[in-house]
PDB file of N, CA and C in Angstrom:
ATOM      1  N   MET A   1     137.951  85.557 118.642  1.00  0.00           N
ATOM      2  CA  MET A   1     138.474  85.895 117.211  1.00  0.00           C
ATOM      3  C   MET A   1     138.589  87.415 116.746  1.00  0.00           C
ATOM      4  N   ILE A   2     139.320  87.503 115.840  1.00  0.00           N
ATOM      5  CA  ILE A   2     139.481  88.963 115.136  1.00  0.00           C
ATOM      6  C   ILE A   2     139.020  88.771 113.883  1.00  0.00           C
ATOM      7  N   TYR A   3     138.950  89.723 113.145  1.00  0.00           N
ATOM      8  CA  TYR A   3     138.382  89.560 111.634  1.00  0.00           C
ATOM      9  C   TYR A   3     139.344  90.970 111.016  1.00  0.00           C
ATOM     10  N   HIS A   4     139.700  90.690 109.486  1.00  0.00           N
ATOM     11  CA  HIS A   4     140.204  91.380 108.688  1.00  0.00           C
ATOM     12  C   HIS A   4     139.537  91.669 107.364  1.00  0.00           C
ATOM     13  N   VAL A   5     139.414  92.924 106.871  1.00  0.00           N
ATOM     14  CA  VAL A   5     138.678  92.868 105.430  1.00  0.00           C
ATOM     15  C   VAL A   5     139.675  93.094 104.624  1.00  0.00           C
ATOM     16  N   THR A   6     139.494  92.275 103.218  1.00  0.00           N
ATOM     17  CA  THR A   6     140.475  92.512 102.164  1.00  0.00           C
ATOM     18  C   THR A   6     139.665  92.147 101.011  1.00  0.00           C
ATOM     19  N   GLY A   7     140.409  92.526  99.785  1.00  0.00           N
ATOM     20  CA  GLY A   7     140.090  92.131  98.527  1.00  0.00           C
ATOM     21  C   GLY A   7     140.233  90.764  98.249  1.00  0.00           C
ATOM     22  N   LYS A   8     139.331  90.169  97.173  1.00  0.00           N
ATOM     23  CA  LYS A   8     139.252  89.105  96.904  1.00  0.00           C
ATOM     24  C   LYS A   8     140.833  88.393  96.196  1.00  0.00           C
ATOM     25  N   GLU A   9     141.160  89.193  95.370  1.00  0.00           N
ATOM     26  CA  GLU A   9     142.407  89.102  94.553  1.00  0.00           C
ATOM     27  C   GLU A   9     143.690  89.027  95.661  1.00  0.00           C
ATOM     28  N   ASN A  10     143.643  89.873  96.526  1.00  0.00           N
ATOM     29  CA  ASN A  10     144.654  89.906  97.554  1.00  0.00           C
ATOM     30  C   ASN A  10     144.902  88.525  98.651  1.00  0.00           C
ATOM     31  N   TRP A  11     143.319  88.144  98.785  1.00  0.00           N
ATOM     32  CA  TRP A  11     143.450  86.955  99.553  1.00  0.00           C
ATOM     33  C   TRP A  11     144.078  85.722  98.694  1.00  0.00           C
ATOM     34  N   PHE A  12     143.307  85.760  97.538  1.00  0.00           N
ATOM     35  CA  PHE A  12     144.037  84.781  96.735  1.00  0.00           C
ATOM     36  C   PHE A  12     145.401  84.655  96.266  1.00  0.00           C
ATOM     37  N   ASN A  13     146.084  85.802  96.439  1.00  0.00           N
ATOM     38  CA  ASN A  13     147.229  85.770  96.321  1.00  0.00           C
ATOM     39  C   ASN A  13     148.079  85.259  97.390  1.00  0.00           C
ATOM     40  N   ALA A  14     147.912  85.653  98.567  1.00  0.00           N
ATOM     41  CA  ALA A  14     148.231  85.371  99.924  1.00  0.00           C
ATOM     42  C   ALA A  14     148.150  83.632  99.831  1.00  0.00           C
ATOM     43  N   VAL A  15     147.048  83.219  99.634  1.00  0.00           N
ATOM     44  CA  VAL A  15     147.172  81.481  99.530  1.00  0.00           C
ATOM     45  C   VAL A  15     148.116  81.035  99.105  1.00  0.00           C
ATOM     46  N   SER A  16     148.326  81.564  97.836  1.00  0.00           N
ATOM     47  CA  SER A  16     149.450  80.898  97.070  1.00  0.00           C
ATOM     48  C   SER A  16     150.840  81.048  97.285  1.00  0.00           C
ATOM     49  N   MET A  17     150.847  82.179  98.215  1.00  0.00           N
ATOM     50  CA  MET A  17     152.378  82.509  98.636  1.00  0.00           C
ATOM     51  C   MET A  17     152.659  81.769  99.901  1.00  0.00           C
ATOM     52  N   GLY A  18     151.560  81.336 100.623  1.00  0.00           N
ATOM     53  CA  GLY A  18     151.278  80.746 102.284  1.00  0.00           C
ATOM     54  C   GLY A  18     151.398  81.791 103.325  1.00  0.00           C
ATOM     55  N   TYR A  19     151.405  83.288 102.946  1.00  0.00           N
ATOM     56  CA  TYR A  19     150.778  83.963 104.243  1.00  0.00           C
ATOM     57  C   TYR A  19     150.507  85.233 103.298  1.00  0.00           C
ATOM     58  N   TYR A  20     149.787  86.024 104.216  1.00  0.00           N
ATOM     59  CA  TYR A  20     149.294  87.591 103.824  1.00  0.00           C
ATOM     60  C   TYR A  20     149.740  88.425 104.840  1.00  0.00           C
ATOM     61  N   GLU A  21     150.171  89.903 103.550  1.00  0.00           N
ATOM     62  CA  GLU A  21     150.501  90.872 104.247  1.00  0.00           C
ATOM     63  C   GLU A  21     149.723  92.109 103.513  1.00  0.00           C
ATOM     64  N   ALA A  22     149.038  92.682 104.273  1.00  0.00           N
ATOM     65  CA  ALA A  22     148.032  93.863 103.874  1.00  0.00           C
ATOM     66  C   ALA A  22     149.026  95.040 103.479  1.00  0.00           C
ATOM     67  N   ALA A  23     148.511  95.948 102.592  1.00  0.00           N
ATOM     68  CA  ALA A  23     149.383  97.156 102.278  1.00  0.00           C
ATOM     69  C   ALA A  23     149.877  97.883 103.255  1.00  0.00           C
ATOM     70  N   SER A  24     148.940  98.192 104.684  1.00  0.00           N
ATOM     71  CA  SER A  24     149.535  98.623 105.681  1.00  0.00           C
ATOM     72  C   SER A  24     150.661  98.216 106.569  1.00  0.00           C
ATOM     73  N   LEU A  25     150.860  96.959 105.953  1.00  0.00           N
ATOM     74  CA  LEU A  25     152.166  96.454 106.984  1.00  0.00           C
ATOM     75  C   LEU A  25     153.471  96.948 106.767  1.00  0.00           C
ATOM     76  N   PRO A  26     154.197  97.302 105.570  1.00  0.00           N
ATOM     77  CA  PRO A  26     155.161  97.981 105.155  1.00  0.00           C
ATOM     78  C   PRO A  26     155.032  99.535 105.753  1.00  0.00           C
ATOM     79  N   ILE A  27     153.872  99.900 105.606  1.00  0.00           N
ATOM     80  CA  ILE A  27     153.656 101.524 105.729  1.00  0.00           C
ATOM     81  C   ILE A  27     153.613 101.644 107.260  1.00  0.00           C
ATOM     82  N   GLU A  28     152.789 100.998 107.784  1.00  0.00           N
ATOM     83  CA  GLU A  28     152.380 101.218 109.098  1.00  0.00           C
ATOM     84  C   GLU A  28     153.043 100.345 110.453  1.00  0.00           C
ATOM     85  N   GLY A  29     153.465  99.298 109.794  1.00  0.00           N
ATOM     86  CA  GLY A  29     154.035  98.074 110.644  1.00  0.00           C
ATOM     87  C   GLY A  29     153.133  96.978 111.121  1.00  0.00           C
ATOM     88  N   PHE A  30     151.920  97.021 110.616  1.00  0.00           N
ATOM     89  CA  PHE A  30     150.878  96.261 111.421  1.00  0.00           C
ATOM     90  C   PHE A  30     149.618  96.033 110.368  1.00  0.00           C
ATOM     91  N   ILE A  31     149.058  94.944 110.703  1.00  0.00           N
ATOM     92  CA  ILE A  31     147.819  94.550 109.753  1.00  0.00           C
ATOM     93  C   ILE A  31     146.965  95.124 110.546  1.00  0.00           C
ATOM     94  N   HIS A  32     145.890  96.083 109.952  1.00  0.00           N
ATOM     95  CA  HIS A  32     144.554  96.460 110.588  1.00  0.00           C
ATOM     96  C   HIS A  32     143.767  95.117 110.738  1.00  0.00           C
ATOM     97  N   ALA A  33     143.169  94.841 111.911  1.00  0.00           N
ATOM     98  CA  ALA A  33     141.863  93.809 112.433  1.00  0.00           C
ATOM     99  C   ALA A  33     140.985  94.709 112.866  1.00  0.00           C
ATOM    100  N   SER A  34     139.936  93.751 113.186  1.00  0.00           N
ATOM    101  CA  SER A  34     138.485  94.186 113.869  1.00  0.00           C
ATOM    102  C   SER A  34     138.102  93.257 114.859  1.00  0.00           C
ATOM    103  N   HIS A  35     137.273  93.856 115.913  1.00  0.00           N
ATOM    104  CA  HIS A  35     136.488  92.995 116.523  1.00  0.00           C
ATOM    105  C   HIS A  35     135.249  92.959 115.668  1.00  0.00           C
ATOM    106  N   LEU A  36     134.226  91.768 116.238  1.00  0.00           N
ATOM    107  CA  LEU A  36     133.146  91.751 115.438  1.00  0.00           C
ATOM    108  C   LEU A  36     132.201  92.974 115.429  1.00  0.00           C
ATOM    109  N   GLU A  37     132.248  93.547 116.331  1.00  0.00           N
ATOM    110  CA  GLU A  37     131.040  94.545 116.641  1.00  0.00           C
ATOM    111  C   GLU A  37     131.802  95.983 115.908  1.00  0.00           C
ATOM    112  N   GLN A  38     133.057  96.004 115.232  1.00  0.00           N
ATOM    113  CA  GLN A  38     133.555  97.148 114.536  1.00  0.00           C
ATOM    114  C   GLN A  38     133.630  97.124 112.907  1.00  0.00           C
ATOM    115  N   ILE A  39     132.954  95.762 112.501  1.00  0.00           N
ATOM    116  CA  ILE A  39     133.192  95.596 111.127  1.00  0.00           C
ATOM    117  C   ILE A  39     132.351  96.651 109.994  1.00  0.00           C
ATOM    118  N   LYS A  40     131.029  96.769 110.961  1.00  0.00           N
ATOM    119  CA  LYS A  40     130.324  97.444 110.226  1.00  0.00           C
ATOM    120  C   LYS A  40     130.857  99.084 109.842  1.00  0.00           C
ATOM    121  N   GLY A  41     131.431  99.511 111.001  1.00  0.00           N
ATOM    122  CA  GLY A  41     132.036 100.787 110.980  1.00  0.00           C
ATOM    123  C   GLY A  41     133.117 101.067 109.929  1.00  0.00           C
ATOM    124  N   VAL A  42     134.126  99.907 110.017  1.00  0.00           N
ATOM    125  CA  VAL A  42     135.400  99.716 109.230  1.00  0.00           C
ATOM    126  C   VAL A  42     134.734  99.549 107.772  1.00  0.00           C
ATOM    127  N   LEU A  43     133.820  98.880 107.329  1.00  0.00           N
ATOM    128  CA  LEU A  43     133.173  98.754 106.139  1.00  0.00           C
ATOM    129  C   LEU A  43     132.734 100.259 105.646  1.00  0.00           C
ATOM    130  N   GLU A  44     131.954 101.101 106.326  1.00  0.00           N
ATOM    131  CA  GLU A  44     131.516 102.226 105.930  1.00  0.00           C
ATOM    132  C   GLU A  44     132.432 103.308 105.964  1.00  0.00           C
ATOM    133  N   ARG A  45     133.495 103.380 106.866  1.00  0.00           N
ATOM    134  CA  ARG A  45     134.525 104.532 106.604  1.00  0.00           C
ATOM    135  C   ARG A  45     135.568 103.967 105.508  1.00  0.00           C
ATOM    136  N   TYR A  46     135.958 102.881 104.934  1.00  0.00           N
ATOM    137  CA  TYR A  46     136.937 102.614 104.198  1.00  0.00           C
ATOM    138  C   TYR A  46     136.662 101.748 102.524  1.00  0.00           C
ATOM    139  N   TYR A  47     135.385 101.156 102.811  1.00  0.00           N
ATOM    140  CA  TYR A  47     134.938 100.142 101.824  1.00  0.00           C
ATOM    141  C   TYR A  47     133.884 100.511 101.312  1.00  0.00           C
ATOM    142  N   THR A  48     133.271 101.686 101.171  1.00  0.00           N
ATOM    143  CA  THR A  48     132.019 101.568 100.711  1.00  0.00           C
ATOM    144  C   THR A  48     131.898 101.451  99.150  1.00  0.00           C
ATOM    145  N   GLY A  49     130.711 100.519  98.642  1.00  0.00           N
ATOM    146  CA  GLY A  49     130.471 100.525  97.141  1.00  0.00           C
ATOM    147  C   GLY A  49     131.708  99.346  96.633  1.00  0.00           C
ATOM    148  N   ARG A  50     132.741  98.999  97.622  1.00  0.00           N
ATOM    149  CA  ARG A  50     133.472  97.731  96.958  1.00  0.00           C
ATOM    150  C   ARG A  50     132.656  96.592  96.770  1.00  0.00           C
ATOM    151  N   LYS A  51     132.693  95.691  95.750  1.00  0.00           N
ATOM    152  CA  LYS A  51     132.147  94.646  95.779  1.00  0.00           C
ATOM    153  C   LYS A  51     132.914  93.279  95.757  1.00  0.00           C
ATOM    154  N   ASP A  52     134.249  93.378  96.026  1.00  0.00           N
ATOM    155  CA  ASP A  52     135.156  92.260  95.898  1.00  0.00           C
ATOM    156  C   ASP A  52     135.701  91.906  97.125  1.00  0.00           C
ATOM    157  N   LEU A  53     135.138  92.100  98.329  1.00  0.00           N
ATOM    158  CA  LEU A  53     135.631  91.851  99.539  1.00  0.00           C
ATOM    159  C   LEU A  53     135.496  90.784 100.483  1.00  0.00           C
ATOM    160  N   LEU A  54     136.307  90.513 101.229  1.00  0.00           N
ATOM    161  CA  LEU A  54     136.177  89.122 101.887  1.00  0.00           C
ATOM    162  C   LEU A  54     136.735  89.730 103.342  1.00  0.00           C
ATOM    163  N   LEU A  55     135.647  88.652 104.189  1.00  0.00           N
ATOM    164  CA  LEU A  55     136.008  88.882 105.727  1.00  0.00           C
ATOM    165  C   LEU A  55     136.733  87.684 106.105  1.00  0.00           C
ATOM    166  N   LEU A  56     137.886  87.757 106.705  1.00  0.00           N
ATOM    167  CA  LEU A  56     138.815  86.848 107.234  1.00  0.00           C
ATOM    168  C   LEU A  56     138.736  86.652 108.567  1.00  0.00           C
ATOM    169  N   HIS A  57     138.094  85.396 108.987  1.00  0.00           N
ATOM    170  CA  HIS A  57     138.011  85.193 110.573  1.00  0.00           C
ATOM    171  C   HIS A  57     139.306  84.604 110.827  1.00  0.00           C
ATOM    172  N   ILE A  58     139.830  85.154 112.026  1.00  0.00           N
ATOM    173  CA  ILE A  58     141.266  85.192 112.505  1.00  0.00           C
ATOM    174  C   ILE A  58     141.007  84.574 113.785  1.00  0.00           C
ATOM    175  N   ASP A  59     141.784  83.358 113.931  1.00  0.00           N
ATOM    176  CA  ASP A  59     141.827  82.729 115.430  1.00  0.00           C
ATOM    177  C   ASP A  59     143.343  83.233 115.691  1.00  0.00           C
ATOM    178  N   GLU A  60     143.129  84.190 116.831  1.00  0.00           N
ATOM    179  CA  GLU A  60     144.346  84.954 117.243  1.00  0.00           C
ATOM    180  C   GLU A  60     145.334  83.986 117.991  1.00  0.00           C
ATOM    181  N   SER A  61     144.762  82.787 118.598  1.00  0.00           N
ATOM    182  CA  SER A  61     145.623  81.981 119.058  1.00  0.00           C
ATOM    183  C   SER A  61     146.628  81.320 118.208  1.00  0.00           C
ATOM    184  N   ARG A  62     146.402  81.230 117.112  1.00  0.00           N
ATOM    185  CA  ARG A  62     147.434  80.516 115.940  1.00  0.00           C
ATOM    186  C   ARG A  62     148.195  81.843 115.057  1.00  0.00           C
ATOM    187  N   LEU A  63     147.854  82.869 115.679  1.00  0.00           N
ATOM    188  CA  LEU A  63     149.012  83.694 115.323  1.00  0.00           C
ATOM    189  C   LEU A  63     150.492  83.745 115.539  1.00  0.00           C
ATOM    190  N   GLN A  64     151.045  83.625 114.520  1.00  0.00           N
ATOM    191  CA  GLN A  64     152.658  83.608 114.544  1.00  0.00           C
ATOM    192  C   GLN A  64     153.282  84.944 115.022  1.00  0.00           C
ATOM    193  N   ALA A  65     152.646  86.268 114.476  1.00  0.00           N
ATOM    194  CA  ALA A  65     153.135  87.462 114.625  1.00  0.00           C
ATOM    195  C   ALA A  65     152.424  87.779 115.782  1.00  0.00           C
ATOM    196  N   GLU A  66     153.127  88.859 116.379  1.00  0.00           N
ATOM    197  CA  GLU A  66     152.538  89.717 117.474  1.00  0.00           C
ATOM    198  C   GLU A  66     151.268  90.164 117.240  1.00  0.00           C
ATOM    199  N   LEU A  67     150.070  90.214 118.113  1.00  0.00           N
ATOM    200  CA  LEU A  67     148.966  90.942 118.433  1.00  0.00           C
ATOM    201  C   LEU A  67     148.804  91.939 119.310  1.00  0.00           C
ATOM    202  N   LYS A  68     148.693  93.021 119.110  1.00  0.00           N
ATOM    203  CA  LYS A  68     148.437  94.121 119.853  1.00  0.00           C
ATOM    204  C   LYS A  68     147.036  94.877 120.002  1.00  0.00           C
ATOM    205  N   ASN A  69     146.534  95.056 120.728  1.00  0.00           N
ATOM    206  CA  ASN A  69     145.357  95.902 120.941  1.00  0.00           C
ATOM    207  C   ASN A  69     145.721  97.275 121.169  1.00  0.00           C
ATOM    208  N   GLU A  70     145.256  98.067 120.307  1.00  0.00           N
ATOM    209  CA  GLU A  70     145.561  99.657 120.193  1.00  0.00           C
ATOM    210  C   GLU A  70     144.430 100.360 120.133  1.00  0.00           C
ATOM    211  N   VAL A  71     144.562 102.002 120.717  1.00  0.00           N
ATOM    212  CA  VAL A  71     143.406 102.797 120.572  1.00  0.00           C
ATOM    213  C   VAL A  71     143.958 103.374 119.071  1.00  0.00           C
ATOM    214  N   SER A  72     142.914 103.310 118.383  1.00  0.00           N
ATOM    215  CA  SER A  72     143.026 104.277 116.817  1.00  0.00           C
ATOM    216  C   SER A  72     142.643 105.560 117.341  1.00  0.00           C
ATOM    217  N   SER A  73     143.336 106.427 116.824  1.00  0.00           N
ATOM    218  CA  SER A  73     143.317 107.926 116.998  1.00  0.00           C
ATOM    219  C   SER A  73     142.135 108.653 116.324  1.00  0.00           C
ATOM    220  N   SER A  74     141.580 107.593 114.959  1.00  0.00           N
ATOM    221  CA  SER A  74     140.758 108.628 114.228  1.00  0.00           C
ATOM    222  C   SER A  74     139.202 108.107 114.806  1.00  0.00           C
ATOM    223  N   THR A  75     139.179 106.885 115.502  1.00  0.00           N
ATOM    224  CA  THR A  75     137.866 106.658 116.256  1.00  0.00           C
ATOM    225  C   THR A  75     137.710 106.398 117.814  1.00  0.00           C
ATOM    226  N   ASN A  76     139.011 106.544 118.525  1.00  0.00           N
ATOM    227  CA  ASN A  76     139.190 106.485 119.899  1.00  0.00           C
ATOM    228  C   ASN A  76     138.497 104.896 120.218  1.00  0.00           C
ATOM    229  N   GLU A  77     138.717 103.712 119.491  1.00  0.00           N
ATOM    230  CA  GLU A  77     138.385 102.354 119.556  1.00  0.00           C
ATOM    231  C   GLU A  77     139.498 101.731 119.949  1.00  0.00           C
ATOM    232  N   VAL A  78     139.497 100.662 120.303  1.00  0.00           N
ATOM    233  CA  VAL A  78     140.916  99.725 120.522  1.00  0.00           C
ATOM    234  C   VAL A  78     140.523  98.703 119.379  1.00  0.00           C
ATOM    235  N   PHE A  79     141.536  98.316 118.563  1.00  0.00           N
ATOM    236  CA  PHE A  79     141.404  97.832 117.383  1.00  0.00           C
ATOM    237  C   PHE A  79     142.695  96.756 117.948  1.00  0.00           C
ATOM    238  N   PRO A  80     142.208  95.554 117.300  1.00  0.00           N
ATOM    239  CA  PRO A  80     143.676  94.701 117.103  1.00  0.00           C
ATOM    240  C   PRO A  80     144.512  95.107 115.928  1.00  0.00           C
ATOM    241  N   HIS A  81     145.729  94.815 116.318  1.00  0.00           N
ATOM    242  CA  HIS A  81     146.953  95.044 115.412  1.00  0.00           C
ATOM    243  C   HIS A  81     148.097  93.813 115.107  1.00  0.00           C
ATOM    244  N   ILE A  82     148.233  93.165 113.946  1.00  0.00           N
ATOM    245  CA  ILE A  82     148.756  91.973 113.687  1.00  0.00           C
ATOM    246  C   ILE A  82     150.144  92.806 113.349  1.00  0.00           C
ATOM    247  N   TYR A  83     151.240  92.641 114.192  1.00  0.00           N
ATOM    248  CA  TYR A  83     152.777  92.856 113.874  1.00  0.00           C
ATOM    249  C   TYR A  83     153.295  92.201 113.069  1.00  0.00           C
ATOM    250  N   GLY A  84     153.098  91.888 111.773  1.00  0.00           N
ATOM    251  CA  GLY A  84     153.759  90.961 110.886  1.00  0.00           C
ATOM    252  C   GLY A  84     152.886  90.190 109.887  1.00  0.00           C
ATOM    253  N   PRO A  85     153.531  89.448 109.021  1.00  0.00           N
ATOM    254  CA  PRO A  85     152.616  88.814 108.173  1.00  0.00           C
ATOM    255  C   PRO A  85     151.643  87.879 108.759  1.00  0.00           C
ATOM    256  N   LEU A  86     150.459  87.443 108.173  1.00  0.00           N
ATOM    257  CA  LEU A  86     149.250  86.839 108.849  1.00  0.00           C
ATOM    258  C   LEU A  86     149.673  85.303 108.310  1.00  0.00           C
ATOM    259  N   ASN A  87     149.946  84.283 109.017  1.00  0.00           N
ATOM    260  CA  ASN A  87     149.924  82.780 108.652  1.00  0.00           C
ATOM    261  C   ASN A  87     148.696  82.524 108.257  1.00  0.00           C
ATOM    262  N   ILE A  88     148.549  81.959 107.083  1.00  0.00           N
ATOM    263  CA  ILE A  88     147.485  81.391 106.330  1.00  0.00           C
ATOM    264  C   ILE A  88     146.348  80.421 107.328  1.00  0.00           C
ATOM    265  N   ASP A  89     147.290  79.430 108.380  1.00  0.00           N
ATOM    266  CA  ASP A  89     146.682  78.959 109.067  1.00  0.00           C
ATOM    267  C   ASP A  89     145.920  79.359 110.024  1.00  0.00           C
ATOM    268  N   ALA A  90     146.224  80.817 110.401  1.00  0.00           N
ATOM    269  CA  ALA A  90     145.141  81.396 111.501  1.00  0.00           C
ATOM    270  C   ALA A  90     144.098  81.723 111.066  1.00  0.00           C
ATOM    271  N   VAL A  91     143.715  81.929 109.667  1.00  0.00           N
ATOM    272  CA  VAL A  91     142.663  82.071 109.150  1.00  0.00           C
ATOM    273  C   VAL A  91     141.757  80.879 109.313  1.00  0.00           C
ATOM    274  N   VAL A  92     140.580  80.947 109.921  1.00  0.00           N
ATOM    275  CA  VAL A  92     139.878  79.859 110.157  1.00  0.00           C
ATOM    276  C   VAL A  92     138.320  79.766 109.560  1.00  0.00           C
ATOM    277  N   GLY A  93     138.221  81.359 108.809  1.00  0.00           N
ATOM    278  CA  GLY A  93     137.068  81.275 108.110  1.00  0.00           C
ATOM    279  C   GLY A  93     137.341  82.517 107.276  1.00  0.00           C
ATOM    280  N   VAL A  94     136.508  82.113 105.717  1.00  0.00           N
ATOM    281  CA  VAL A  94     136.682  83.463 104.889  1.00  0.00           C
ATOM    282  C   VAL A  94     135.056  83.531 104.291  1.00  0.00           C
ATOM    283  N   GLU A  95     134.849  84.655 104.383  1.00  0.00           N
ATOM    284  CA  GLU A  95     133.342  85.077 104.186  1.00  0.00           C
ATOM    285  C   GLU A  95     132.985  85.961 102.905  1.00  0.00           C
ATOM    286  N   GLU A  96     132.481  86.057 102.078  1.00  0.00           N
ATOM    287  CA  GLU A  96     132.267  87.012 101.050  1.00  0.00           C
ATOM    288  C   GLU A  96     131.412  88.246 101.720  1.00  0.00           C
ATOM    289  N   ILE A  97     131.592  89.411 101.703  1.00  0.00           N
ATOM    290  CA  ILE A  97     131.060  90.754 102.156  1.00  0.00           C
ATOM    291  C   ILE A  97     130.007  91.144 101.167  1.00  0.00           C
ATOM    292  N   LEU A  98     128.834  90.955 101.512  1.00  0.00           N
ATOM    293  CA  LEU A  98     127.818  91.688 100.360  1.00  0.00           C
ATOM    294  C   LEU A  98     127.306  92.972 101.076  1.00  0.00           C
ATOM    295  N   GLN A  99     127.530  93.698  99.955  1.00  0.00           N
ATOM    296  CA  GLN A  99     127.385  95.182 100.553  1.00  0.00           C
ATOM    297  C   GLN A  99     126.253  95.840  99.184  1.00  0.00           C
ATOM    298  N   ASN A 100     125.572  96.775  99.971  1.00  0.00           N
ATOM    299  CA  ASN A 100     124.730  97.595  99.120  1.00  0.00           C
ATOM    300  C   ASN A 100     125.544  98.722  98.631  1.00  0.00           C
ATOM    301  N   PRO A 101     125.290  99.090  97.346  1.00  0.00           N
ATOM    302  CA  PRO A 101     126.133  99.946  96.523  1.00  0.00           C
ATOM    303  C   PRO A 101     125.953 101.568  97.278  1.00  0.00           C
TER     304      PRO A 101
END
C-alpha cells in the first residue's frame, strides 16, 4: 500500500473525471506518494495548517501507470512516484486528515 495526500476538491474532481492528476504530474512527470511511515513528515513539510486534506490509500498492484521508488533529494528518503494519472480503482480507501493548526 502507498499513500497520497490531496485536497478534498481535487479528489472530488478526480472522481467525477474517472482519474486523478496531481499538480506535480505535468511539472515533474509524476505524482508524489508516500509509504505509511513517511506521511507525518510530508504533512509537516508541505501541508501545515491545511484543513481540507484527504489521504488516499493506493493499492499499487492496481495502478495502470508505472510506479518507481526513487530517492528524494530534499530528504534522502526513497518515495514512491506514480508516472501517469492515478486510476480511481487503484484507490482502495480515502480518509480525512485531521491536523492541529
